[in-house]
């Protein structure tokens, strides 16, 4: 009988990365769960708590390009294990906080830095380093693991907080992050060359990116040259709006907005879990489509539909019926569907070696938008008593992002990409 074709080890790495991102996803769920308990126990305003979340999501994004360079220099496995350990320590330490500056340092600074290395930059690095064929599909699957894991954790952690207090949530998150470390140590490999392979679908002429001696220089060099390219700014601006309209607004403030409309916390968490479930389908489908359709055209569709839906969110929450369920299903399909086409545009424009680093800077724009929404929506809620204005601003921003994405159609490799040195 003929020998069966062996499964490429790239799929093992993808599976480990998927489980790792799912296991570490709990820390992204926590801010929305903690807003009301912290306000009740310590009297902190939504703006105060939102500022800590803003620090977290801002660092979550800004560390991305340096994380991509560190992964190139020190390897995926070492950086990932360190990041998971930092997240665990920061999350567990939050159980002892008593003043706002504790929240800023622990949840904002420590967890923000650790989680930055577990952002979608990790997914893009795995996909671009291990896959030539099916790269978009793998990017979509890994992105879905992170985003959906965050939302699927919500109902579980909400019930934990209701039954045992908010401090137990930090312990659960820390234990989940630590539980993944042995899996990473045993199965994750830094690159196909480590085990004598080529990336899946690569030709015999494939040349592996060389390790960089200076991660900071690699990240800043990529930024310097990318900022001279109009396409980079269109990507950065659209992803700013993406972060503003997802993690920063819905991910952080939906539970509080639901509370304003007299929706029980467990019910509201279930709605967000519904987003998480449909996000898996939407993001994997987006990755599949990215391998076949101009990614810029996909972004136009995603941002238009997201913007229109946000304009109707507040009335849907007031009605709290089929309309709100419909929003959650639709928003789930579109939650991070923007990531695979954005990664593809970065790699297409700046090359497979430096595309993930450039994407790290684009992702920094995503997290800056999330930080603005996390703080700004809380401030608007404190001053107006409603989140409606925040939803409308985000909806209009998505329409603007769709217009910008239209200008990236059929873009080829950047003429300056070849000049970008490690």
Protein backbone atom coordinates (compact mmCIF):
# COMPACT_ATOMS: atom_id res chain seq x y z
CA UNK A 1 0.00 0.00 0.00
CA UNK A 2 1.27 3.52 -0.74
CA UNK A 3 2.46 5.62 2.19
CA UNK A 4 -0.02 8.18 3.37
CA UNK A 5 1.09 11.75 3.11
CA UNK A 6 2.14 13.00 6.53
CA UNK A 7 0.41 16.03 8.04
CA UNK A 8 2.70 19.05 7.83
CA UNK A 9 3.93 20.16 11.27
CA UNK A 10 2.64 23.65 10.46
CA UNK A 11 -0.83 22.37 11.36
CA UNK A 12 0.46 21.24 14.77
CA UNK A 13 1.90 24.71 15.38
CA UNK A 14 -1.37 26.29 14.27
CA UNK A 15 -3.32 24.07 16.67
CA UNK A 16 -1.01 24.94 19.57
CA UNK A 17 -1.25 28.64 18.72
CA UNK A 18 -5.06 28.35 18.62
CA UNK A 19 -5.20 26.74 22.08
CA UNK A 20 -2.67 29.25 23.43
CA UNK A 21 -4.71 32.22 22.24
CA UNK A 22 -7.90 30.69 23.62
CA UNK A 23 -6.29 29.99 26.98
CA UNK A 24 -4.95 33.52 27.27
CA UNK A 25 -8.17 35.15 26.08
CA UNK A 26 -9.69 35.56 29.53
CA UNK A 27 -7.66 38.67 30.29
CA UNK A 28 -9.38 40.48 27.42
CA UNK A 29 -12.80 39.74 28.96
CA UNK A 30 -12.08 41.09 32.41
CA UNK A 31 -12.42 44.89 31.99
CA UNK A 32 -16.12 44.79 31.11
CA UNK A 33 -16.77 42.43 34.04
CA UNK A 34 -14.92 44.59 36.57
CA UNK A 35 -16.43 48.01 35.79
CA UNK A 36 -19.55 47.68 37.94
CA UNK A 37 -17.99 45.64 40.83
CA UNK A 38 -15.07 48.05 41.18
CA UNK A 39 -17.41 51.02 41.08
CA UNK A 40 -19.57 49.49 43.81
CA UNK A 41 -16.68 48.45 46.10
CA UNK A 42 -14.30 51.40 45.71
CA UNK A 43 -16.53 54.15 44.30
CA UNK A 44 -14.33 54.58 41.23
CA UNK A 45 -16.03 56.25 38.26
CA UNK A 46 -16.39 54.64 34.84
CA UNK A 47 -13.89 57.17 33.49
CA UNK A 48 -11.32 56.14 36.13
CA UNK A 49 -11.69 52.45 35.33
CA UNK A 50 -11.85 53.23 31.61
CA UNK A 51 -8.48 55.00 31.87
CA UNK A 52 -6.88 51.82 33.23
CA UNK A 53 -8.43 49.84 30.38
CA UNK A 54 -7.13 52.47 27.95
CA UNK A 55 -3.57 52.02 29.27
CA UNK A 56 -3.95 48.26 28.89
CA UNK A 57 -5.26 48.29 25.33
CA UNK A 58 -2.81 51.00 24.27
CA UNK A 59 0.18 48.99 25.47
CA UNK A 60 -1.47 45.87 24.07
CA UNK A 61 -1.11 47.53 20.68
CA UNK A 62 2.14 49.48 21.03
CA UNK A 63 4.13 46.43 22.10
CA UNK A 64 2.97 44.58 18.98
CA UNK A 65 5.68 45.62 16.50
CA UNK A 66 8.41 45.07 19.10
CA UNK A 67 6.86 41.69 19.95
CA UNK A 68 7.03 40.69 16.28
CA UNK A 69 10.70 41.68 16.21
CA UNK A 70 11.38 39.87 19.52
CA UNK A 71 9.75 36.75 18.10
CA UNK A 72 12.07 36.98 15.12
CA UNK A 73 15.11 37.45 17.37
CA UNK A 74 14.42 35.11 20.32
CA UNK A 75 11.83 32.74 18.86
CA UNK A 76 8.10 32.25 19.20
CA UNK A 77 8.32 29.74 22.04
CA UNK A 78 10.46 31.78 24.42
CA UNK A 79 8.55 35.04 23.91
CA UNK A 80 5.17 33.31 24.22
CA UNK A 81 6.05 31.54 27.47
CA UNK A 82 7.36 34.75 29.00
CA UNK A 83 4.26 36.66 27.96
CA UNK A 84 1.88 34.10 29.44
CA UNK A 85 3.81 34.19 32.74
CA UNK A 86 3.67 38.01 32.89
CA UNK A 87 -0.08 37.97 32.22
CA UNK A 88 -0.63 35.41 34.99
CA UNK A 89 1.40 37.39 37.55
CA UNK A 90 -0.33 40.68 36.72
CA UNK A 91 -3.82 39.18 36.79
CA UNK A 92 -3.32 37.42 40.13
CA UNK A 93 -1.74 40.53 41.68
CA UNK A 94 -4.85 42.60 40.83
CA UNK A 95 -6.70 40.69 43.54
CA UNK A 96 -4.78 42.76 46.12
CA UNK A 97 -5.35 46.23 44.64
CA UNK A 98 -7.04 48.92 46.71
CA UNK A 99 -6.36 52.21 44.90
CA UNK A 100 -6.69 53.37 41.27
CA UNK A 101 -2.94 53.50 40.73
CA UNK A 102 -2.75 49.78 41.56
CA UNK A 103 -5.24 49.21 38.75
CA UNK A 104 -3.25 51.41 36.37
CA UNK A 105 0.04 49.63 37.11
CA UNK A 106 -1.17 46.03 37.33
CA UNK A 107 -3.98 45.83 34.81
CA UNK A 108 -2.84 48.74 32.68
CA UNK A 109 0.95 48.34 32.58
CA UNK A 110 1.87 44.75 33.55
CA UNK A 111 -0.99 42.88 31.88
CA UNK A 112 -0.92 45.30 28.95
CA UNK A 113 2.74 44.58 28.24
CA UNK A 114 2.35 40.83 28.65
CA UNK A 115 -0.78 40.62 26.55
CA UNK A 116 0.78 42.71 23.77
CA UNK A 117 2.92 39.74 22.77
CA UNK A 118 -0.22 37.58 22.60
CA UNK A 119 -2.07 39.97 20.29
CA UNK A 120 -2.98 39.27 16.68
CA UNK A 121 0.68 39.98 15.91
CA UNK A 122 1.33 36.50 17.31
CA UNK A 123 -1.25 35.08 14.93
CA UNK A 124 0.18 36.91 11.93
CA UNK A 125 3.72 35.77 12.79
CA UNK A 126 2.68 32.12 13.03
CA UNK A 127 0.71 32.33 9.80
CA UNK A 128 3.38 34.15 7.78
CA UNK A 129 6.27 32.06 9.12
CA UNK A 130 4.69 28.59 8.81
CA UNK A 131 2.27 28.99 5.90
CA UNK A 132 2.44 30.13 2.30
CA UNK A 133 -0.60 28.13 1.28
CA UNK A 134 -3.74 28.72 3.40
CA UNK A 135 -2.14 31.74 5.11
CA UNK A 136 -5.36 33.76 5.15
CA UNK A 137 -7.38 30.85 6.48
CA UNK A 138 -4.92 30.25 9.34
CA UNK A 139 -4.79 33.97 10.18
CA UNK A 140 -8.57 33.99 10.41
CA UNK A 141 -8.69 30.89 12.61
CA UNK A 142 -6.05 32.20 15.04
CA UNK A 143 -7.65 35.64 15.19
CA UNK A 144 -10.99 34.01 15.93
CA UNK A 145 -9.38 32.04 18.77
CA UNK A 146 -8.26 35.22 20.50
CA UNK A 147 -11.36 37.32 19.93
CA UNK A 148 -13.91 34.56 20.42
CA UNK A 149 -12.14 33.18 23.46
CA UNK A 150 -12.42 36.62 25.01
CA UNK A 151 -16.17 36.72 24.47
CA UNK A 152 -16.82 33.06 25.30
CA UNK A 153 -15.04 33.56 28.64
CA UNK A 154 -17.46 36.38 29.51
CA UNK A 155 -20.48 34.40 30.74
CA UNK A 156 -18.24 32.04 32.70
CA UNK A 157 -16.26 34.81 34.37
CA UNK A 158 -19.42 36.84 34.99
CA UNK A 159 -20.95 33.96 36.91
CA UNK A 160 -17.69 33.47 38.80
CA UNK A 161 -17.70 37.15 39.78
CA UNK A 162 -21.36 37.05 40.81
CA UNK A 163 -20.90 33.92 42.92
CA UNK A 164 -17.44 34.47 44.41
CA UNK A 165 -16.52 38.13 43.95
CA UNK A 166 -14.41 39.88 41.34
CA UNK A 167 -11.06 38.87 42.91
CA UNK A 168 -11.56 35.23 41.99
CA UNK A 169 -11.71 36.29 38.33
CA UNK A 170 -8.07 37.39 38.46
CA UNK A 171 -7.03 34.03 39.91
CA UNK A 172 -8.93 32.11 37.22
CA UNK A 173 -7.34 34.16 34.43
CA UNK A 174 -3.86 33.68 35.87
CA UNK A 175 -4.31 29.92 36.17
CA UNK A 176 -5.62 29.65 32.60
CA UNK A 177 -2.58 31.51 31.25
CA UNK A 178 -0.15 29.34 33.24
CA UNK A 179 -1.89 26.13 32.17
CA UNK A 180 -0.94 26.78 28.53
CA UNK A 181 2.79 27.23 29.21
CA UNK A 182 3.69 23.47 29.21
CA UNK A 183 1.83 23.00 25.92
CA UNK A 184 3.86 25.81 24.34
CA UNK A 185 7.12 24.36 25.66
CA UNK A 186 6.48 20.88 24.28
CA UNK A 187 4.89 21.55 20.88
CA UNK A 188 5.51 25.11 19.66
CA UNK A 189 8.48 25.54 17.32
CA UNK A 190 10.03 28.81 16.29
CA UNK A 191 10.19 28.14 12.54
CA UNK A 192 9.97 25.29 9.98
CA UNK A 193 13.77 25.37 9.61
CA UNK A 194 14.13 24.25 13.25
CA UNK A 195 12.86 20.81 12.24
CA UNK A 196 14.18 20.74 8.69
CA UNK A 197 10.99 21.80 6.90
CA UNK A 198 9.80 24.52 4.57
CA UNK A 199 6.60 26.46 5.28
CA UNK A 200 3.47 24.73 4.03
CA UNK A 201 3.14 25.45 0.32
CA UNK A 202 6.57 27.10 -0.05
CA UNK A 203 8.79 26.39 -3.06
CA UNK A 204 12.32 25.03 -2.78
CA UNK A 205 13.64 28.57 -3.40
CA UNK A 206 12.04 29.87 -0.20
CA UNK A 207 14.46 31.84 2.00
CA UNK A 208 13.67 32.03 5.71
CA UNK A 209 13.79 35.50 7.31
CA UNK A 210 17.03 35.98 9.19
CA UNK A 211 17.00 36.54 12.96
CA UNK A 212 17.43 40.18 13.79
CA UNK A 213 20.18 41.28 16.16
CA UNK A 214 18.31 44.36 17.33
CA UNK A 215 14.52 44.03 17.73
CA UNK A 216 14.08 47.73 18.53
CA UNK A 217 15.91 48.78 15.38
CA UNK A 218 13.90 46.31 13.31
CA UNK A 219 10.61 47.69 14.62
CA UNK A 220 11.56 51.36 14.26
CA UNK A 221 13.08 50.83 10.80
CA UNK A 222 9.86 49.19 9.61
CA UNK A 223 7.87 52.13 10.99
CA UNK A 224 10.14 54.74 9.41
CA UNK A 225 9.80 53.34 5.91
CA UNK A 226 6.15 52.29 6.23
CA UNK A 227 5.06 55.78 7.27
CA UNK A 228 6.20 57.12 3.90
CA UNK A 229 3.64 54.85 2.20
CA UNK A 230 0.04 56.07 1.80
CA UNK A 231 -1.28 52.52 2.08
CA UNK A 232 0.17 52.20 5.59
CA UNK A 233 -1.82 55.21 6.77
CA UNK A 234 -5.02 53.92 5.20
CA UNK A 235 -4.48 50.60 6.97
CA UNK A 236 -3.60 52.33 10.24
CA UNK A 237 -6.63 54.62 10.11
CA UNK A 238 -9.09 51.85 9.27
CA UNK A 239 -7.73 49.68 12.06
CA UNK A 240 -7.99 52.61 14.48
CA UNK A 241 -11.72 52.62 13.76
CA UNK A 242 -11.84 48.82 14.04
CA UNK A 243 -10.45 48.93 17.58
CA UNK A 244 -12.66 51.86 18.52
CA UNK A 245 -15.81 50.04 17.41
CA UNK A 246 -15.04 46.60 18.90
CA UNK A 247 -12.71 46.10 21.90
CA UNK A 248 -12.81 49.68 23.11
CA UNK A 249 -16.56 50.25 22.83
CA UNK A 250 -18.56 47.01 22.72
CA UNK A 251 -15.98 44.80 24.44
CA UNK A 252 -15.46 47.25 27.31
CA UNK A 253 -18.81 49.02 27.76
CA UNK A 254 -21.54 46.71 26.49
CA UNK A 255 -22.26 45.20 29.92
CA UNK A 256 -22.59 48.66 31.46
CA UNK A 257 -24.78 49.83 28.57
CA UNK A 258 -26.95 46.75 29.05
CA UNK A 259 -27.20 47.56 32.76
CA UNK A 260 -28.47 51.04 31.79
CA UNK A 261 -31.25 49.33 29.80
CA UNK A 262 -32.08 47.01 32.75
CA UNK A 263 -30.64 43.90 31.09
CA UNK A 264 -29.27 41.43 33.65
CA UNK A 265 -25.49 40.97 33.69
CA UNK A 266 -25.69 37.24 32.97
CA UNK A 267 -28.03 37.89 30.02
CA UNK A 268 -25.77 40.60 28.64
CA UNK A 269 -22.73 38.34 28.98
CA UNK A 270 -24.66 35.70 27.06
CA UNK A 271 -25.21 38.21 24.26
CA UNK A 272 -21.45 38.83 24.06
CA UNK A 273 -20.80 35.10 24.07
CA UNK A 274 -23.13 34.92 21.09
CA UNK A 275 -20.81 37.39 19.33
CA UNK A 276 -17.92 35.10 20.21
CA UNK A 277 -19.56 32.04 18.75
CA UNK A 278 -20.42 33.68 15.44
CA UNK A 279 -17.05 35.41 15.35
CA UNK A 280 -15.39 32.01 14.83
CA UNK A 281 -17.48 31.45 11.71
CA UNK A 282 -17.09 34.99 10.44
CA UNK A 283 -13.33 35.28 10.90
CA UNK A 284 -12.51 31.85 9.45
CA UNK A 285 -14.78 32.64 6.48
CA UNK A 286 -13.00 35.98 6.13
CA UNK A 287 -9.64 34.21 6.07
CA UNK A 288 -10.92 31.83 3.39
CA UNK A 289 -12.23 34.76 1.34
CA UNK A 290 -8.96 36.70 1.79
CA UNK A 291 -7.13 33.93 -0.09
CA UNK A 292 -9.50 34.44 -3.03
CA UNK A 293 -10.78 38.05 -3.12
CA UNK A 294 -9.05 41.44 -3.09
CA UNK A 295 -8.70 42.07 0.70
CA UNK A 296 -9.46 45.78 0.31
CA UNK A 297 -12.90 45.02 -1.12
CA UNK A 298 -13.62 42.80 1.88
CA UNK A 299 -12.70 45.63 4.24
CA UNK A 300 -15.10 48.01 2.47
CA UNK A 301 -17.98 45.58 3.01
CA UNK A 302 -17.07 44.83 6.63
CA UNK A 303 -16.84 48.47 7.70
CA UNK A 304 -20.04 49.54 5.91
CA UNK A 305 -22.10 46.79 7.53
CA UNK A 306 -20.55 47.38 10.95
CA UNK A 307 -21.16 51.12 10.79
CA UNK A 308 -24.82 50.76 9.85
CA UNK A 309 -25.43 48.21 12.61
CA UNK A 310 -23.94 50.47 15.28
CA UNK A 311 -26.34 53.25 14.37
CA UNK A 312 -29.21 50.96 15.40
CA UNK A 313 -27.64 49.44 18.52
CA UNK A 314 -29.09 51.74 21.19
CA UNK A 315 -32.72 51.33 19.98
CA UNK A 316 -32.13 47.56 19.77
CA UNK A 317 -30.92 47.50 23.39
CA UNK A 318 -33.96 49.50 24.49
CA UNK A 319 -36.25 46.96 22.82
CA UNK A 320 -34.14 44.02 24.10
CA UNK A 321 -35.69 41.49 21.74
CA UNK A 322 -35.04 39.86 18.41
CA UNK A 323 -33.37 43.03 17.12
CA UNK A 324 -30.63 42.81 19.75
CA UNK A 325 -30.09 39.10 19.04
CA UNK A 326 -29.83 39.94 15.35
CA UNK A 327 -27.24 42.61 16.10
CA UNK A 328 -25.15 40.14 18.09
CA UNK A 329 -25.23 37.53 15.33
CA UNK A 330 -24.32 40.06 12.66
CA UNK A 331 -21.70 41.80 14.79
CA UNK A 332 -20.18 38.44 15.67
CA UNK A 333 -19.70 37.58 12.01
CA UNK A 334 -18.00 40.96 11.53
CA UNK A 335 -16.21 41.29 14.92
CA UNK A 336 -12.61 40.69 13.79
CA UNK A 337 -13.26 39.67 10.20
CA UNK A 338 -11.15 42.72 9.33
CA UNK A 339 -7.94 41.08 10.59
CA UNK A 340 -7.18 38.53 7.82
CA UNK A 341 -7.54 41.08 4.98
CA UNK A 342 -5.54 43.67 6.93
CA UNK A 343 -2.71 41.18 7.56
CA UNK A 344 -2.83 40.14 3.89
CA UNK A 345 -2.53 43.77 2.74
CA UNK A 346 0.46 44.31 5.05
CA UNK A 347 2.24 41.19 3.78
CA UNK A 348 1.39 41.97 0.15
CA UNK A 349 2.60 45.53 0.46
CA UNK A 350 5.70 45.04 2.64
CA UNK A 351 6.68 41.39 2.11
CA UNK A 352 6.36 38.19 4.20
CA UNK A 353 9.44 38.94 6.33
CA UNK A 354 8.53 42.48 7.39
CA UNK A 355 4.80 42.41 6.87
CA UNK A 356 4.14 41.11 10.42
CA UNK A 357 6.28 43.90 11.90
CA UNK A 358 4.43 46.53 9.85
CA UNK A 359 1.17 44.90 10.87
CA UNK A 360 2.32 45.35 14.47
CA UNK A 361 2.34 49.11 13.91
CA UNK A 362 -1.03 48.95 12.17
CA UNK A 363 -2.35 46.97 15.14
CA UNK A 364 -1.04 49.74 17.41
CA UNK A 365 -3.56 51.98 15.63
CA UNK A 366 -6.28 49.42 16.42
CA UNK A 367 -5.44 49.55 20.11
CA UNK A 368 -5.13 53.33 20.16
CA UNK A 369 -8.67 53.46 18.81
CA UNK A 370 -9.74 50.95 21.45
CA UNK A 371 -8.09 53.06 24.16
CA UNK A 372 -9.87 56.20 22.97
CA UNK A 373 -13.23 54.41 23.05
CA UNK A 374 -12.60 52.73 26.42
CA UNK A 375 -11.94 56.10 28.05
CA UNK A 376 -14.09 58.34 25.87
CA UNK A 377 -17.25 56.23 26.00
CA UNK A 378 -16.98 56.09 29.79
CA UNK A 379 -16.55 59.86 29.92
CA UNK A 380 -19.55 60.43 27.64
CA UNK A 381 -21.62 58.05 29.75
CA UNK A 382 -20.69 59.93 32.93
CA UNK A 383 -21.57 63.29 31.36
CA UNK A 384 -24.69 62.40 29.34
CA UNK A 385 -26.06 59.36 31.16
CA UNK A 386 -26.11 57.27 27.97
CA UNK A 387 -23.87 55.42 25.52
CA UNK A 388 -25.98 56.37 22.50
CA UNK A 389 -23.65 59.15 21.31
CA UNK A 390 -20.68 56.79 21.51
CA UNK A 391 -22.46 54.22 19.35
CA UNK A 392 -23.30 56.84 16.72
CA UNK A 393 -19.73 58.21 16.63
CA UNK A 394 -18.35 54.69 16.15
CA UNK A 395 -20.87 53.98 13.39
CA UNK A 396 -19.90 57.09 11.45
CA UNK A 397 -16.23 56.24 11.92
CA UNK A 398 -16.81 52.83 10.32
CA UNK A 399 -18.33 54.45 7.24
CA UNK A 400 -15.25 56.68 6.94
CA UNK A 401 -13.00 53.60 7.28
CA UNK A 402 -14.90 51.93 4.43
CA UNK A 403 -14.17 54.90 2.19
CA UNK A 404 -10.46 54.70 3.06
CA UNK A 405 -10.37 50.96 2.42
CA UNK A 406 -11.79 51.53 -1.05
CA UNK A 407 -8.57 53.41 -1.90
CA UNK A 408 -6.45 50.29 -1.24
CA UNK A 409 -7.92 48.14 -4.03
CA UNK A 410 -5.47 46.13 -6.17
CA UNK A 411 -2.38 47.53 -4.47
CA UNK A 412 0.90 45.80 -5.33
CA UNK A 413 4.13 45.48 -3.35
CA UNK A 414 5.58 48.76 -2.11
CA UNK A 415 8.56 49.99 -4.16
CA UNK A 416 10.30 50.76 -0.86
CA UNK A 417 9.71 47.29 0.65
CA UNK A 418 12.92 45.95 -0.79
CA UNK A 419 14.84 48.72 0.94
CA UNK A 420 13.62 47.67 4.39
CA UNK A 421 16.52 46.00 6.16
CA UNK A 422 16.64 43.88 9.25
